[in-house]
Structure formats: structure tokens, C-alpha cells
C-alpha atoms as a PDB file:
ATOM      1  CA  UNK A   1      -8.493  40.024  77.265  1.00  0.00           C
ATOM      2  CA  UNK A   2      -5.249  38.536  78.537  1.00  0.00           C
ATOM      3  CA  UNK A   3      -6.643  38.118  81.954  1.00  0.00           C
ATOM      4  CA  UNK A   4      -9.578  36.210  80.565  1.00  0.00           C
ATOM      5  CA  UNK A   5      -7.218  34.083  78.495  1.00  0.00           C
ATOM      6  CA  UNK A   6      -5.153  33.223  81.401  1.00  0.00           C
ATOM      7  CA  UNK A   7      -8.336  32.226  83.647  1.00  0.00           C
ATOM      8  CA  UNK A   8      -9.900  29.943  81.017  1.00  0.00           C
ATOM      9  CA  UNK A   9      -6.548  28.518  80.203  1.00  0.00           C
ATOM     10  CA  UNK A  10      -5.894  27.908  83.891  1.00  0.00           C
ATOM     11  CA  UNK A  11      -9.091  25.985  84.088  1.00  0.00           C
ATOM     12  CA  UNK A  12      -9.039  23.924  81.199  1.00  0.00           C
ATOM     13  CA  UNK A  13      -5.382  22.972  81.867  1.00  0.00           C
ATOM     14  CA  UNK A  14      -6.375  22.005  85.592  1.00  0.00           C
ATOM     15  CA  UNK A  15      -9.405  20.049  84.151  1.00  0.00           C
ATOM     16  CA  UNK A  16      -7.612  18.377  81.301  1.00  0.00           C
ATOM     17  CA  UNK A  17      -4.117  17.936  82.673  1.00  0.00           C
ATOM     18  CA  UNK A  18      -3.590  18.421  86.328  1.00  0.00           C
ATOM     19  CA  UNK A  19      -6.702  16.713  87.912  1.00  0.00           C
ATOM     20  CA  UNK A  20      -5.635  13.153  87.158  1.00  0.00           C
ATOM     21  CA  UNK A  21      -7.491  11.466  90.072  1.00  0.00           C
ATOM     22  CA  UNK A  22     -10.817  13.671  89.486  1.00  0.00           C
ATOM     23  CA  UNK A  23     -10.925  15.094  93.164  1.00  0.00           C
ATOM     24  CA  UNK A  24     -11.614  18.685  91.953  1.00  0.00           C
ATOM     25  CA  UNK A  25     -13.691  17.832  89.116  1.00  0.00           C
ATOM     26  CA  UNK A  26     -15.125  14.655  89.929  1.00  0.00           C
ATOM     27  CA  UNK A  27     -18.518  15.992  90.658  1.00  0.00           C
ATOM     28  CA  UNK A  28     -18.782  16.178  86.929  1.00  0.00           C
ATOM     29  CA  UNK A  29     -18.029  12.561  86.282  1.00  0.00           C
ATOM     30  CA  UNK A  30     -21.690  11.630  85.376  1.00  0.00           C
ATOM     31  CA  UNK A  31     -22.042  14.571  83.071  1.00  0.00           C
ATOM     32  CA  UNK A  32     -22.367  14.042  79.238  1.00  0.00           C
ATOM     33  CA  UNK A  33     -19.696  15.689  77.013  1.00  0.00           C
ATOM     34  CA  UNK A  34     -22.657  18.157  75.900  1.00  0.00           C
ATOM     35  CA  UNK A  35     -23.381  19.331  79.538  1.00  0.00           C
ATOM     36  CA  UNK A  36     -19.479  19.838  80.108  1.00  0.00           C
ATOM     37  CA  UNK A  37     -19.099  22.035  76.930  1.00  0.00           C
ATOM     38  CA  UNK A  38     -22.039  23.902  78.027  1.00  0.00           C
ATOM     39  CA  UNK A  39     -20.834  24.445  81.622  1.00  0.00           C
ATOM     40  CA  UNK A  40     -17.336  25.785  80.355  1.00  0.00           C
ATOM     41  CA  UNK A  41     -19.046  27.802  77.754  1.00  0.00           C
ATOM     42  CA  UNK A  42     -21.217  29.533  80.432  1.00  0.00           C
ATOM     43  CA  UNK A  43     -18.126  29.881  82.483  1.00  0.00           C
ATOM     44  CA  UNK A  44     -16.371  31.742  79.914  1.00  0.00           C
ATOM     45  CA  UNK A  45     -19.358  33.920  79.052  1.00  0.00           C
ATOM     46  CA  UNK A  46     -19.857  34.905  82.829  1.00  0.00           C
ATOM     47  CA  UNK A  47     -16.213  35.630  83.164  1.00  0.00           C
ATOM     48  CA  UNK A  48     -16.169  37.941  80.327  1.00  0.00           C
ATOM     49  CA  UNK A  49     -19.160  39.634  81.380  1.00  0.00           C
ATOM     50  CA  UNK A  50     -17.694  40.281  84.961  1.00  0.00           C
ATOM     51  CA  UNK A  51     -14.458  41.233  83.463  1.00  0.00           C
ATOM     52  CA  UNK A  52     -16.046  43.743  81.118  1.00  0.00           C
ATOM     53  CA  UNK A  53     -18.333  45.108  83.563  1.00  0.00           C
ATOM     54  CA  UNK A  54     -15.400  45.746  86.059  1.00  0.00           C
ATOM     55  CA  UNK A  55     -13.144  47.385  83.700  1.00  0.00           C
ATOM     56  CA  UNK A  56     -15.979  49.362  81.868  1.00  0.00           C
ATOM     57  CA  UNK A  57     -14.850  52.611  83.996  1.00  0.00           C
ATOM     58  CA  UNK A  58     -11.147  52.168  82.637  1.00  0.00           C
ATOM     59  CA  UNK A  59     -12.050  51.543  78.723  1.00  0.00           C
END
């Protein structure tokens, strides 16, 4: 779970704090807040599924 928190935290910090001039996330400029939340929620779900799928043999 720590790996998921680190990955999601890094993306959120990059989106909200580090990318001041919108070079990496500029393609989302015209999106509504709802679509941005939906994108990041989907990112979190997919990241969690991949992490759990890859670590299923070790649990």
C-alpha cells in the first residue's frame, strides 16, 4: 500500500505544485474539474489493480 501512496502522491504533487507552467499537464487545461477528478480516480483504481495483480503471488 505504501507504493501506491507514493505513486499517487508523486502524481498529485507534480500536478498541483511542480508543474507551474503546465508543460506536462497542459493537455488537461480545457477539462472541467469533474473530468480531472474522474481521470485521477481512474488512475488510482488502475494503479491499485495493477499493484495488487502483480503482488498477488506474494500475499
